[in-house]
Amino acid sequence: GDIVEGDVVDVRDSYLVVDIGHKSEGIIAGRELKSDSFNWKDLKVGDKVLVYVVKPEDEKGQLILSIRRTQQASAWLALENAKKNNEVVEAVVVESNNGGLIVEIGKGIRGFIPTSQLDATRVYANGVRQVGRDISSKVQKRLNSLIGEKIKTRIIELDREKNRIILSEKMVTQARDIEKRTETLKKVKEGDVLEGTISGITPFGVFVNAQGLEG
């Protein structure tokens, strides 16, 4: 799991040999050689390279290293920092299902945005939540139409061991709504007439959003 710097000691047709100061030199082979930033075949003996330790020792006593996982581990570290600091993470929609959207957030790492965590304007016609028959099929069509789109999100849950990332667009858009509401509250008083937009229709009534104030 460690990421360390090593010295290239041999470049072969299908693998690299790297010295990281361990009791034996390490091997990088197969898909573990893949890198988005450089071609491993361009490396020369004596070059420095960052590697990820896959196994300090396999059944043959060999140290197994990876270049590919170095990038992915760095990406996970960046995501952990983003969650800690409540930063916005940009995600690209690659697939949809009944529960929400599967998104890619870089370096082959994927996450999930539940439908409940998407902004209502993406899921419902005119952003209005409705009840009735055929609503689920309409929602699915709208989710399918989002494939390829970029969505700004915040991280709700992050578990590297389980490869589980749950994201929320609402946490981004609601923050904007809170700012708008705060600005509106500074200038309105009881008795003022505001123009609002219907934000939800339920069996018991209608929700209206007026410049960030919802009631």
N, C-alpha and C. Protein backbone atom coordinates (compact mmCIF):
# COMPACT_ATOMS: atom_id res chain seq x y z
N GLY A 1 0.79 -1.23 0.00
CA GLY A 1 0.00 0.00 0.00
C GLY A 1 0.82 1.27 0.00
N ASP A 2 2.11 1.17 0.34
CA ASP A 2 2.95 2.37 0.34
C ASP A 2 3.27 2.85 -1.08
N ILE A 3 3.45 4.15 -1.21
CA ILE A 3 3.95 4.74 -2.46
C ILE A 3 5.36 5.23 -2.18
N VAL A 4 6.33 4.72 -2.94
CA VAL A 4 7.74 5.06 -2.70
C VAL A 4 8.43 5.38 -4.01
N GLU A 5 9.57 6.06 -3.90
CA GLU A 5 10.38 6.36 -5.08
C GLU A 5 11.47 5.30 -5.22
N GLY A 6 11.66 4.83 -6.44
CA GLY A 6 12.68 3.83 -6.69
C GLY A 6 13.55 4.20 -7.88
N ASP A 7 14.62 3.43 -8.07
CA ASP A 7 15.54 3.61 -9.20
C ASP A 7 15.34 2.49 -10.20
N VAL A 8 15.18 2.84 -11.46
CA VAL A 8 15.06 1.84 -12.52
C VAL A 8 16.42 1.16 -12.71
N VAL A 9 16.44 -0.17 -12.59
CA VAL A 9 17.70 -0.90 -12.76
C VAL A 9 17.70 -1.76 -14.02
N ASP A 10 16.52 -1.99 -14.61
CA ASP A 10 16.47 -2.75 -15.85
C ASP A 10 15.14 -2.50 -16.56
N VAL A 11 15.20 -2.37 -17.90
CA VAL A 11 14.01 -2.18 -18.71
C VAL A 11 13.96 -3.31 -19.73
N ARG A 12 12.96 -4.19 -19.60
CA ARG A 12 12.82 -5.32 -20.51
C ARG A 12 11.61 -5.10 -21.44
N ASP A 13 11.36 -6.05 -22.33
CA ASP A 13 10.25 -5.92 -23.28
C ASP A 13 8.89 -5.88 -22.61
N SER A 14 8.75 -6.61 -21.51
CA SER A 14 7.42 -6.72 -20.89
C SER A 14 7.40 -6.37 -19.40
N TYR A 15 8.53 -5.93 -18.86
CA TYR A 15 8.52 -5.57 -17.44
C TYR A 15 9.69 -4.64 -17.09
N LEU A 16 9.54 -4.02 -15.91
CA LEU A 16 10.58 -3.14 -15.35
C LEU A 16 11.11 -3.76 -14.07
N VAL A 17 12.39 -3.53 -13.80
CA VAL A 17 12.98 -3.90 -12.52
C VAL A 17 13.35 -2.60 -11.81
N VAL A 18 12.85 -2.45 -10.57
CA VAL A 18 13.06 -1.20 -9.83
C VAL A 18 13.60 -1.51 -8.43
N ASP A 19 14.57 -0.71 -8.01
CA ASP A 19 15.16 -0.85 -6.68
C ASP A 19 14.57 0.21 -5.76
N ILE A 20 13.90 -0.22 -4.68
CA ILE A 20 13.33 0.74 -3.72
C ILE A 20 14.03 0.62 -2.36
N GLY A 21 15.19 -0.07 -2.34
CA GLY A 21 15.93 -0.23 -1.09
C GLY A 21 15.44 -1.38 -0.25
N HIS A 22 14.60 -2.23 -0.84
CA HIS A 22 14.09 -3.42 -0.15
C HIS A 22 15.15 -4.52 -0.25
N LYS A 23 14.91 -5.64 0.44
CA LYS A 23 15.90 -6.73 0.42
C LYS A 23 16.05 -7.35 -0.98
N SER A 24 15.02 -7.17 -1.82
CA SER A 24 15.13 -7.61 -3.20
C SER A 24 14.58 -6.52 -4.13
N GLU A 25 15.00 -6.55 -5.39
CA GLU A 25 14.50 -5.59 -6.35
C GLU A 25 13.06 -5.95 -6.73
N GLY A 26 12.31 -4.95 -7.15
CA GLY A 26 10.90 -5.16 -7.45
C GLY A 26 10.62 -5.27 -8.94
N ILE A 27 9.55 -5.98 -9.26
CA ILE A 27 9.13 -6.17 -10.64
C ILE A 27 7.81 -5.45 -10.89
N ILE A 28 7.72 -4.76 -12.05
CA ILE A 28 6.46 -4.16 -12.50
C ILE A 28 6.17 -4.77 -13.86
N ALA A 29 5.01 -5.42 -13.98
CA ALA A 29 4.70 -6.11 -15.24
C ALA A 29 3.22 -6.01 -15.57
N GLY A 30 2.89 -6.37 -16.83
CA GLY A 30 1.50 -6.41 -17.26
C GLY A 30 0.81 -5.06 -17.17
N ARG A 31 -0.45 -5.07 -16.74
CA ARG A 31 -1.23 -3.83 -16.67
C ARG A 31 -0.72 -2.88 -15.59
N GLU A 32 0.10 -3.39 -14.68
CA GLU A 32 0.64 -2.53 -13.61
C GLU A 32 1.65 -1.52 -14.16
N LEU A 33 2.03 -1.67 -15.44
CA LEU A 33 2.96 -0.73 -16.08
C LEU A 33 2.23 0.49 -16.64
N LYS A 34 0.91 0.40 -16.75
CA LYS A 34 0.13 1.44 -17.42
C LYS A 34 0.19 2.78 -16.67
N SER A 35 0.40 3.85 -17.44
CA SER A 35 0.43 5.19 -16.86
C SER A 35 -0.20 6.18 -17.83
N ASP A 36 -1.00 7.11 -17.30
CA ASP A 36 -1.60 8.15 -18.14
C ASP A 36 -0.63 9.27 -18.44
N SER A 37 0.43 9.39 -17.65
CA SER A 37 1.33 10.54 -17.78
C SER A 37 2.62 10.26 -18.54
N PHE A 38 2.99 8.99 -18.69
CA PHE A 38 4.21 8.70 -19.45
C PHE A 38 4.20 7.25 -19.94
N ASN A 39 5.08 6.99 -20.93
CA ASN A 39 5.24 5.64 -21.47
C ASN A 39 6.41 4.97 -20.74
N TRP A 40 6.15 3.86 -20.07
CA TRP A 40 7.19 3.21 -19.27
C TRP A 40 8.38 2.77 -20.12
N LYS A 41 8.15 2.54 -21.42
CA LYS A 41 9.25 2.12 -22.30
C LYS A 41 10.27 3.22 -22.54
N ASP A 42 9.87 4.46 -22.21
CA ASP A 42 10.80 5.60 -22.35
C ASP A 42 11.75 5.72 -21.16
N LEU A 43 11.48 4.96 -20.09
CA LEU A 43 12.35 5.00 -18.91
C LEU A 43 13.70 4.36 -19.22
N LYS A 44 14.72 4.89 -18.55
CA LYS A 44 16.08 4.37 -18.73
C LYS A 44 16.65 3.98 -17.38
N VAL A 45 17.65 3.11 -17.42
CA VAL A 45 18.32 2.68 -16.19
C VAL A 45 18.85 3.92 -15.46
N GLY A 46 18.55 4.01 -14.17
CA GLY A 46 18.98 5.15 -13.37
C GLY A 46 17.88 6.18 -13.15
N ASP A 47 16.80 6.12 -13.96
CA ASP A 47 15.68 7.06 -13.78
C ASP A 47 14.97 6.80 -12.46
N LYS A 48 14.42 7.87 -11.89
CA LYS A 48 13.61 7.76 -10.68
C LYS A 48 12.14 7.56 -11.09
N VAL A 49 11.42 6.72 -10.34
CA VAL A 49 10.01 6.49 -10.65
C VAL A 49 9.24 6.22 -9.35
N LEU A 50 8.03 6.79 -9.27
CA LEU A 50 7.16 6.53 -8.11
C LEU A 50 6.42 5.22 -8.35
N VAL A 51 6.43 4.36 -7.34
CA VAL A 51 5.78 3.06 -7.47
C VAL A 51 4.92 2.76 -6.24
N TYR A 52 3.94 1.89 -6.45
CA TYR A 52 3.03 1.44 -5.39
C TYR A 52 3.42 0.01 -5.03
N VAL A 53 3.55 -0.27 -3.74
CA VAL A 53 3.93 -1.61 -3.30
C VAL A 53 2.67 -2.50 -3.25
N VAL A 54 2.60 -3.45 -4.19
CA VAL A 54 1.47 -4.38 -4.24
C VAL A 54 1.68 -5.49 -3.22
N LYS A 55 2.86 -6.11 -3.24
CA LYS A 55 3.21 -7.16 -2.28
C LYS A 55 4.70 -7.05 -1.97
N PRO A 56 5.07 -6.94 -0.68
CA PRO A 56 6.49 -6.93 -0.33
C PRO A 56 7.17 -8.25 -0.72
N GLU A 57 6.36 -9.32 -0.77
CA GLU A 57 6.93 -10.62 -1.12
C GLU A 57 5.82 -11.56 -1.57
N ASP A 58 5.93 -12.09 -2.82
CA ASP A 58 4.94 -13.06 -3.28
C ASP A 58 5.42 -14.47 -2.96
N GLU A 59 4.74 -15.47 -3.52
CA GLU A 59 5.09 -16.86 -3.21
C GLU A 59 6.50 -17.24 -3.68
N LYS A 60 7.04 -16.46 -4.61
CA LYS A 60 8.40 -16.72 -5.10
C LYS A 60 9.44 -15.84 -4.40
N GLY A 61 8.96 -15.06 -3.41
CA GLY A 61 9.86 -14.17 -2.70
C GLY A 61 10.15 -12.88 -3.44
N GLN A 62 9.34 -12.58 -4.45
CA GLN A 62 9.57 -11.41 -5.30
C GLN A 62 8.76 -10.19 -4.81
N LEU A 63 9.40 -9.05 -4.82
CA LEU A 63 8.72 -7.78 -4.50
C LEU A 63 7.92 -7.34 -5.73
N ILE A 64 6.60 -7.15 -5.56
CA ILE A 64 5.72 -6.78 -6.67
C ILE A 64 5.31 -5.31 -6.55
N LEU A 65 5.56 -4.56 -7.62
CA LEU A 65 5.30 -3.11 -7.63
C LEU A 65 4.32 -2.75 -8.74
N SER A 66 3.83 -1.51 -8.70
CA SER A 66 2.88 -1.04 -9.71
C SER A 66 3.07 0.46 -9.96
N ILE A 67 3.00 0.85 -11.23
CA ILE A 67 2.95 2.27 -11.58
C ILE A 67 1.49 2.71 -11.66
N ARG A 68 0.65 1.84 -12.24
CA ARG A 68 -0.78 2.14 -12.41
C ARG A 68 -1.45 2.48 -11.09
N ARG A 69 -1.19 1.70 -10.06
CA ARG A 69 -1.87 1.90 -8.78
C ARG A 69 -1.36 3.13 -8.03
N THR A 70 -0.19 3.60 -8.40
CA THR A 70 0.31 4.84 -7.81
C THR A 70 -0.62 5.98 -8.13
N GLN A 71 -1.04 6.04 -9.41
CA GLN A 71 -1.95 7.10 -9.83
C GLN A 71 -3.30 6.97 -9.14
N GLN A 72 -3.80 5.74 -9.04
CA GLN A 72 -5.11 5.53 -8.42
C GLN A 72 -5.06 5.84 -6.92
N ALA A 73 -3.95 5.44 -6.27
CA ALA A 73 -3.81 5.72 -4.84
C ALA A 73 -3.76 7.23 -4.60
N SER A 74 -3.08 7.95 -5.49
CA SER A 74 -3.00 9.41 -5.37
C SER A 74 -4.38 10.02 -5.54
N ALA A 75 -5.17 9.44 -6.46
CA ALA A 75 -6.52 9.95 -6.69
C ALA A 75 -7.40 9.73 -5.46
N TRP A 76 -7.28 8.55 -4.82
CA TRP A 76 -8.04 8.28 -3.60
C TRP A 76 -7.65 9.25 -2.49
N LEU A 77 -6.36 9.54 -2.40
CA LEU A 77 -5.88 10.47 -1.38
C LEU A 77 -6.49 11.85 -1.60
N ALA A 78 -6.57 12.27 -2.87
CA ALA A 78 -7.17 13.56 -3.20
C ALA A 78 -8.65 13.57 -2.83
N LEU A 79 -9.33 12.44 -3.04
CA LEU A 79 -10.76 12.34 -2.69
C LEU A 79 -10.96 12.39 -1.17
N GLU A 80 -10.07 11.74 -0.44
CA GLU A 80 -10.14 11.77 1.03
C GLU A 80 -9.99 13.20 1.54
N ASN A 81 -9.09 13.95 0.93
CA ASN A 81 -8.89 15.36 1.31
C ASN A 81 -10.11 16.19 0.94
N ALA A 82 -10.71 15.88 -0.23
CA ALA A 82 -11.90 16.61 -0.67
C ALA A 82 -13.06 16.39 0.29
N LYS A 83 -13.22 15.16 0.77
CA LYS A 83 -14.29 14.87 1.74
C LYS A 83 -14.03 15.59 3.06
N LYS A 84 -12.78 15.53 3.51
CA LYS A 84 -12.40 16.17 4.77
C LYS A 84 -12.66 17.67 4.74
N ASN A 85 -12.36 18.30 3.59
CA ASN A 85 -12.49 19.75 3.46
C ASN A 85 -13.81 20.18 2.83
N ASN A 86 -14.71 19.19 2.59
CA ASN A 86 -16.02 19.47 1.99
C ASN A 86 -15.90 20.19 0.65
N GLU A 87 -14.94 19.76 -0.15
CA GLU A 87 -14.70 20.39 -1.45
C GLU A 87 -15.61 19.82 -2.53
N VAL A 88 -15.80 20.60 -3.59
CA VAL A 88 -16.62 20.16 -4.72
C VAL A 88 -15.79 19.23 -5.60
N VAL A 89 -16.39 18.10 -6.00
CA VAL A 89 -15.74 17.11 -6.86
C VAL A 89 -16.54 17.01 -8.15
N GLU A 90 -15.86 17.17 -9.28
CA GLU A 90 -16.55 17.07 -10.58
C GLU A 90 -16.60 15.62 -11.04
N ALA A 91 -17.79 15.17 -11.44
CA ALA A 91 -17.98 13.78 -11.85
C ALA A 91 -18.63 13.74 -13.23
N VAL A 92 -18.26 12.73 -14.02
CA VAL A 92 -18.83 12.55 -15.36
C VAL A 92 -19.75 11.31 -15.34
N VAL A 93 -20.99 11.49 -15.79
CA VAL A 93 -21.96 10.40 -15.79
C VAL A 93 -21.59 9.38 -16.86
N VAL A 94 -21.46 8.10 -16.47
CA VAL A 94 -21.12 7.04 -17.43
C VAL A 94 -22.23 6.00 -17.58
N GLU A 95 -23.15 5.98 -16.61
CA GLU A 95 -24.20 4.94 -16.64
C GLU A 95 -25.33 5.36 -15.71
N SER A 96 -26.53 4.84 -15.97
CA SER A 96 -27.65 5.10 -15.06
C SER A 96 -28.38 3.80 -14.77
N ASN A 97 -29.03 3.74 -13.60
CA ASN A 97 -29.86 2.58 -13.26
C ASN A 97 -31.06 3.07 -12.46
N ASN A 98 -31.85 2.15 -11.95
CA ASN A 98 -33.08 2.53 -11.24
C ASN A 98 -32.80 3.40 -10.01
N GLY A 99 -31.61 3.24 -9.41
CA GLY A 99 -31.32 3.95 -8.17
C GLY A 99 -30.63 5.29 -8.33
N GLY A 100 -30.04 5.54 -9.50
CA GLY A 100 -29.33 6.79 -9.68
C GLY A 100 -28.30 6.73 -10.80
N LEU A 101 -27.19 7.43 -10.61
CA LEU A 101 -26.17 7.57 -11.65
C LEU A 101 -24.82 7.00 -11.21
N ILE A 102 -24.17 6.27 -12.12
CA ILE A 102 -22.78 5.85 -11.90
C ILE A 102 -21.90 6.86 -12.60
N VAL A 103 -20.93 7.39 -11.88
CA VAL A 103 -20.09 8.47 -12.42
C VAL A 103 -18.61 8.12 -12.28
N GLU A 104 -17.81 8.76 -13.15
CA GLU A 104 -16.36 8.58 -13.08
C GLU A 104 -15.75 9.85 -12.53
N ILE A 105 -14.82 9.69 -11.56
CA ILE A 105 -14.22 10.87 -10.94
C ILE A 105 -12.70 10.84 -11.07
N GLY A 106 -12.23 10.24 -12.16
CA GLY A 106 -10.81 10.28 -12.48
C GLY A 106 -10.05 9.02 -12.14
N LYS A 107 -9.03 8.73 -12.99
CA LYS A 107 -8.12 7.59 -12.78
C LYS A 107 -8.85 6.26 -12.64
N GLY A 108 -9.96 6.12 -13.38
CA GLY A 108 -10.69 4.86 -13.35
C GLY A 108 -11.51 4.64 -12.09
N ILE A 109 -11.63 5.66 -11.26
CA ILE A 109 -12.41 5.53 -10.02
C ILE A 109 -13.85 5.97 -10.28
N ARG A 110 -14.78 5.12 -9.84
CA ARG A 110 -16.19 5.42 -10.06
C ARG A 110 -16.94 5.60 -8.74
N GLY A 111 -17.98 6.41 -8.82
CA GLY A 111 -18.82 6.65 -7.66
C GLY A 111 -20.29 6.57 -8.05
N PHE A 112 -21.16 6.78 -7.08
CA PHE A 112 -22.60 6.66 -7.30
C PHE A 112 -23.33 7.87 -6.72
N ILE A 113 -24.25 8.43 -7.52
CA ILE A 113 -25.12 9.51 -7.04
C ILE A 113 -26.54 8.96 -7.00
N PRO A 114 -27.11 8.71 -5.81
CA PRO A 114 -28.50 8.25 -5.72
C PRO A 114 -29.44 9.31 -6.30
N THR A 115 -30.54 8.86 -6.86
CA THR A 115 -31.52 9.80 -7.43
C THR A 115 -31.93 10.85 -6.40
N SER A 116 -32.06 10.43 -5.15
CA SER A 116 -32.47 11.36 -4.08
C SER A 116 -31.45 12.45 -3.82
N GLN A 117 -30.21 12.24 -4.30
CA GLN A 117 -29.16 13.24 -4.07
C GLN A 117 -28.87 14.09 -5.31
N LEU A 118 -29.70 13.91 -6.35
CA LEU A 118 -29.59 14.76 -7.54
C LEU A 118 -30.48 15.98 -7.38
N ASP A 119 -30.10 17.07 -8.00
CA ASP A 119 -30.95 18.25 -8.00
C ASP A 119 -32.25 17.91 -8.72
N ALA A 120 -33.38 18.36 -8.17
CA ALA A 120 -34.70 18.01 -8.71
C ALA A 120 -34.85 18.42 -10.17
N THR A 121 -34.19 19.50 -10.59
CA THR A 121 -34.32 19.97 -11.97
C THR A 121 -33.77 18.96 -12.97
N ARG A 122 -32.86 18.10 -12.54
CA ARG A 122 -32.30 17.08 -13.44
C ARG A 122 -33.24 15.88 -13.58
N VAL A 123 -33.99 15.61 -12.53
CA VAL A 123 -34.76 14.37 -12.47
C VAL A 123 -36.21 14.55 -12.91
N TYR A 124 -36.80 15.67 -12.55
CA TYR A 124 -38.23 15.87 -12.82
C TYR A 124 -38.46 16.99 -13.82
N ALA A 125 -39.52 16.87 -14.61
CA ALA A 125 -39.86 17.90 -15.59
C ALA A 125 -40.09 19.22 -14.87
N ASN A 126 -39.40 20.25 -15.33
CA ASN A 126 -39.47 21.59 -14.73
C ASN A 126 -39.09 21.59 -13.26
N GLY A 127 -38.40 20.53 -12.82
CA GLY A 127 -37.96 20.46 -11.44
C GLY A 127 -39.07 20.16 -10.45
N VAL A 128 -40.24 19.79 -10.97
CA VAL A 128 -41.41 19.57 -10.10
C VAL A 128 -41.53 18.09 -9.76
N ARG A 129 -41.51 17.76 -8.49
CA ARG A 129 -41.72 16.38 -8.05
C ARG A 129 -43.21 16.04 -8.13
N GLN A 130 -43.50 14.91 -8.75
CA GLN A 130 -44.90 14.54 -8.93
C GLN A 130 -45.14 13.12 -8.43
N VAL A 131 -46.41 12.81 -8.23
CA VAL A 131 -46.79 11.44 -7.86
C VAL A 131 -47.77 10.92 -8.91
N GLY A 132 -47.78 9.61 -9.10
CA GLY A 132 -48.69 9.03 -10.07
C GLY A 132 -48.04 7.93 -10.87
N ARG A 133 -48.80 7.35 -11.76
CA ARG A 133 -48.30 6.25 -12.58
C ARG A 133 -47.26 6.75 -13.60
N ASP A 134 -46.40 5.83 -14.02
CA ASP A 134 -45.40 6.07 -15.06
C ASP A 134 -44.35 7.11 -14.68
N ILE A 135 -44.36 7.56 -13.43
CA ILE A 135 -43.36 8.55 -13.02
C ILE A 135 -41.96 7.93 -13.04
N SER A 136 -41.82 6.67 -12.57
CA SER A 136 -40.51 6.04 -12.51
C SER A 136 -39.89 5.87 -13.89
N SER A 137 -40.70 5.53 -14.91
CA SER A 137 -40.16 5.37 -16.26
C SER A 137 -39.72 6.71 -16.84
N LYS A 138 -40.46 7.77 -16.50
CA LYS A 138 -40.07 9.11 -16.96
C LYS A 138 -38.77 9.55 -16.31
N VAL A 139 -38.64 9.24 -15.02
CA VAL A 139 -37.42 9.57 -14.30
C VAL A 139 -36.23 8.84 -14.91
N GLN A 140 -36.42 7.55 -15.24
CA GLN A 140 -35.34 6.76 -15.82
C GLN A 140 -34.88 7.33 -17.16
N LYS A 141 -35.83 7.79 -17.97
CA LYS A 141 -35.48 8.41 -19.25
C LYS A 141 -34.63 9.66 -19.04
N ARG A 142 -34.99 10.44 -18.04
CA ARG A 142 -34.23 11.66 -17.77
C ARG A 142 -32.83 11.31 -17.25
N LEU A 143 -32.73 10.27 -16.44
CA LEU A 143 -31.42 9.83 -15.95
C LEU A 143 -30.54 9.36 -17.11
N ASN A 144 -31.12 8.61 -18.05
CA ASN A 144 -30.38 8.14 -19.21
C ASN A 144 -29.84 9.29 -20.05
N SER A 145 -30.62 10.37 -20.11
CA SER A 145 -30.22 11.53 -20.92
C SER A 145 -29.03 12.27 -20.32
N LEU A 146 -28.70 11.96 -19.06
CA LEU A 146 -27.59 12.66 -18.40
C LEU A 146 -26.22 12.04 -18.69
N ILE A 147 -26.20 10.87 -19.34
CA ILE A 147 -24.92 10.20 -19.62
C ILE A 147 -24.01 11.12 -20.44
N GLY A 148 -22.78 11.27 -19.95
CA GLY A 148 -21.81 12.16 -20.61
C GLY A 148 -21.72 13.54 -19.97
N GLU A 149 -22.69 13.89 -19.14
CA GLU A 149 -22.69 15.22 -18.51
C GLU A 149 -21.76 15.27 -17.30
N LYS A 150 -21.25 16.47 -17.04
CA LYS A 150 -20.42 16.70 -15.86
C LYS A 150 -21.31 17.27 -14.76
N ILE A 151 -21.15 16.72 -13.55
CA ILE A 151 -21.97 17.17 -12.42
C ILE A 151 -21.04 17.52 -11.25
N LYS A 152 -21.28 18.66 -10.66
CA LYS A 152 -20.51 19.06 -9.48
C LYS A 152 -21.15 18.45 -8.23
N THR A 153 -20.33 17.76 -7.43
CA THR A 153 -20.84 17.03 -6.28
C THR A 153 -19.98 17.26 -5.04
N ARG A 154 -20.50 16.77 -3.92
CA ARG A 154 -19.70 16.64 -2.70
C ARG A 154 -19.80 15.19 -2.23
N ILE A 155 -18.79 14.74 -1.49
CA ILE A 155 -18.73 13.34 -1.09
C ILE A 155 -19.50 13.12 0.20
N ILE A 156 -20.44 12.16 0.17
CA ILE A 156 -21.19 11.77 1.37
C ILE A 156 -20.47 10.64 2.09
N GLU A 157 -20.03 9.65 1.32
CA GLU A 157 -19.40 8.45 1.90
C GLU A 157 -18.22 8.02 1.05
N LEU A 158 -17.13 7.62 1.71
CA LEU A 158 -15.91 7.21 1.01
C LEU A 158 -15.30 6.03 1.75
N ASP A 159 -15.21 4.89 1.06
CA ASP A 159 -14.63 3.68 1.66
C ASP A 159 -13.73 3.02 0.61
N ARG A 160 -12.42 3.27 0.75
CA ARG A 160 -11.48 2.75 -0.25
C ARG A 160 -11.43 1.23 -0.26
N GLU A 161 -11.50 0.60 0.91
CA GLU A 161 -11.41 -0.85 0.97
C GLU A 161 -12.56 -1.52 0.24
N LYS A 162 -13.75 -0.93 0.35
CA LYS A 162 -14.93 -1.49 -0.32
C LYS A 162 -15.14 -0.89 -1.72
N ASN A 163 -14.23 0.02 -2.10
CA ASN A 163 -14.33 0.71 -3.39
C ASN A 163 -15.71 1.38 -3.53
N ARG A 164 -16.14 2.05 -2.46
CA ARG A 164 -17.48 2.64 -2.39
C ARG A 164 -17.40 4.15 -2.21
N ILE A 165 -18.00 4.88 -3.16
CA ILE A 165 -18.04 6.34 -3.08
C ILE A 165 -19.47 6.79 -3.38
N ILE A 166 -20.10 7.45 -2.42
CA ILE A 166 -21.45 7.99 -2.60
C ILE A 166 -21.34 9.51 -2.65
N LEU A 167 -21.94 10.09 -3.69
CA LEU A 167 -21.83 11.52 -3.93
C LEU A 167 -23.20 12.20 -3.90
N SER A 168 -23.18 13.51 -3.73
CA SER A 168 -24.42 14.28 -3.70
C SER A 168 -24.28 15.57 -4.50
N GLU A 169 -25.19 15.77 -5.44
CA GLU A 169 -25.26 17.06 -6.13
C GLU A 169 -26.03 18.06 -5.27
N LYS A 170 -27.00 17.56 -4.52
CA LYS A 170 -27.82 18.43 -3.67
C LYS A 170 -26.98 19.24 -2.70
N MET A 171 -25.91 18.62 -2.17
CA MET A 171 -25.07 19.31 -1.19
C MET A 171 -24.39 20.53 -1.81
N VAL A 172 -24.25 20.53 -3.14
CA VAL A 172 -23.68 21.68 -3.84
C VAL A 172 -24.76 22.71 -4.13
N THR A 173 -25.88 22.24 -4.71
CA THR A 173 -26.94 23.18 -5.09
C THR A 173 -27.65 23.76 -3.88
N GLN A 174 -27.80 22.96 -2.81
CA GLN A 174 -28.45 23.49 -1.61
C GLN A 174 -27.62 24.57 -0.95
N ALA A 175 -26.28 24.44 -1.08
CA ALA A 175 -25.41 25.48 -0.52
C ALA A 175 -25.68 26.81 -1.23
N ARG A 176 -25.91 26.73 -2.56
CA ARG A 176 -26.25 27.95 -3.31
C ARG A 176 -27.61 28.48 -2.86
N ASP A 177 -28.56 27.54 -2.63
CA ASP A 177 -29.90 27.96 -2.19
C ASP A 177 -29.84 28.65 -0.84
N ILE A 178 -28.99 28.15 0.06
CA ILE A 178 -28.85 28.75 1.39
C ILE A 178 -28.32 30.17 1.28
N GLU A 179 -27.34 30.37 0.37
CA GLU A 179 -26.79 31.72 0.16
C GLU A 179 -27.88 32.66 -0.36
N LYS A 180 -28.67 32.14 -1.32
CA LYS A 180 -29.74 32.95 -1.90
C LYS A 180 -30.79 33.29 -0.84
N ARG A 181 -31.12 32.28 -0.01
CA ARG A 181 -32.11 32.51 1.05
C ARG A 181 -31.63 33.56 2.04
N THR A 182 -30.35 33.47 2.40
CA THR A 182 -29.76 34.43 3.34
C THR A 182 -29.86 35.85 2.79
N GLU A 183 -29.55 36.00 1.48
CA GLU A 183 -29.62 37.33 0.86
C GLU A 183 -31.06 37.85 0.85
N THR A 184 -32.02 36.95 0.55
CA THR A 184 -33.43 37.36 0.51
C THR A 184 -33.92 37.78 1.89
N LEU A 185 -33.54 37.02 2.92
CA LEU A 185 -33.99 37.32 4.28
C LEU A 185 -33.48 38.68 4.78
N LYS A 186 -32.36 39.14 4.21
CA LYS A 186 -31.81 40.43 4.62
C LYS A 186 -32.68 41.60 4.17
N LYS A 187 -33.44 41.37 3.08
CA LYS A 187 -34.16 42.51 2.50
C LYS A 187 -35.69 42.40 2.52
N VAL A 188 -36.24 41.24 2.96
CA VAL A 188 -37.70 41.13 2.98
C VAL A 188 -38.24 41.26 4.40
N LYS A 189 -39.52 41.59 4.47
CA LYS A 189 -40.18 41.67 5.77
C LYS A 189 -41.57 41.06 5.65
N GLU A 190 -42.16 40.78 6.78
CA GLU A 190 -43.50 40.18 6.80
C GLU A 190 -44.48 41.07 6.05
N GLY A 191 -45.28 40.43 5.18
CA GLY A 191 -46.26 41.19 4.40
C GLY A 191 -45.81 41.46 2.98
N ASP A 192 -44.49 41.29 2.68
CA ASP A 192 -44.01 41.49 1.31
C ASP A 192 -44.60 40.43 0.38
N VAL A 193 -44.82 40.82 -0.87
CA VAL A 193 -45.31 39.89 -1.89
C VAL A 193 -44.13 39.50 -2.79
N LEU A 194 -43.88 38.20 -2.88
CA LEU A 194 -42.77 37.69 -3.71
C LEU A 194 -43.31 36.79 -4.82
N GLU A 195 -42.58 36.73 -5.93
CA GLU A 195 -42.95 35.81 -7.00
C GLU A 195 -42.19 34.51 -6.79
N GLY A 196 -42.91 33.38 -6.82
CA GLY A 196 -42.28 32.09 -6.56
C GLY A 196 -42.46 31.10 -7.69
N THR A 197 -41.69 30.01 -7.58
CA THR A 197 -41.76 28.91 -8.56
C THR A 197 -42.19 27.64 -7.84
N ILE A 198 -43.11 26.91 -8.44
CA ILE A 198 -43.55 25.65 -7.84
C ILE A 198 -42.37 24.67 -7.85
N SER A 199 -41.99 24.18 -6.67
CA SER A 199 -40.84 23.28 -6.56
C SER A 199 -41.26 21.85 -6.21
N GLY A 200 -42.53 21.65 -5.86
CA GLY A 200 -42.98 20.30 -5.55
C GLY A 200 -44.49 20.20 -5.48
N ILE A 201 -45.02 19.07 -5.98
CA ILE A 201 -46.47 18.82 -5.91
C ILE A 201 -46.67 17.50 -5.18
N THR A 202 -47.42 17.52 -4.09
CA THR A 202 -47.66 16.31 -3.30
C THR A 202 -49.16 16.15 -3.09
N PRO A 203 -49.58 14.99 -2.58
CA PRO A 203 -51.02 14.80 -2.32
C PRO A 203 -51.59 15.79 -1.31
N PHE A 204 -50.73 16.36 -0.45
CA PHE A 204 -51.25 17.25 0.59
C PHE A 204 -51.03 18.73 0.32
N GLY A 205 -50.39 19.08 -0.79
CA GLY A 205 -50.20 20.49 -1.07
C GLY A 205 -49.10 20.76 -2.08
N VAL A 206 -48.79 22.04 -2.25
CA VAL A 206 -47.81 22.49 -3.24
C VAL A 206 -46.68 23.24 -2.54
N PHE A 207 -45.42 22.92 -2.90
CA PHE A 207 -44.26 23.64 -2.39
C PHE A 207 -43.88 24.75 -3.39
N VAL A 208 -43.55 25.92 -2.83
CA VAL A 208 -43.18 27.06 -3.68
C VAL A 208 -41.85 27.62 -3.18
N ASN A 209 -40.94 27.90 -4.13
CA ASN A 209 -39.67 28.54 -3.80
C ASN A 209 -39.69 29.97 -4.30
N ALA A 210 -39.54 30.91 -3.38
CA ALA A 210 -39.54 32.32 -3.73
C ALA A 210 -38.20 32.93 -3.34
N GLN A 211 -37.32 33.08 -4.34
CA GLN A 211 -36.00 33.68 -4.14
C GLN A 211 -35.22 33.01 -3.00
N GLY A 212 -35.30 31.68 -2.97
CA GLY A 212 -34.54 30.93 -1.97
C GLY A 212 -35.34 30.57 -0.73
N LEU A 213 -36.50 31.19 -0.57
CA LEU A 213 -37.37 30.86 0.57
C LEU A 213 -38.37 29.82 0.11
N GLU A 214 -38.41 28.67 0.78
CA GLU A 214 -39.33 27.62 0.36
C GLU A 214 -40.39 27.38 1.43
N GLY A 215 -41.65 27.27 0.99
CA GLY A 215 -42.73 27.04 1.93
C GLY A 215 -43.91 26.38 1.26
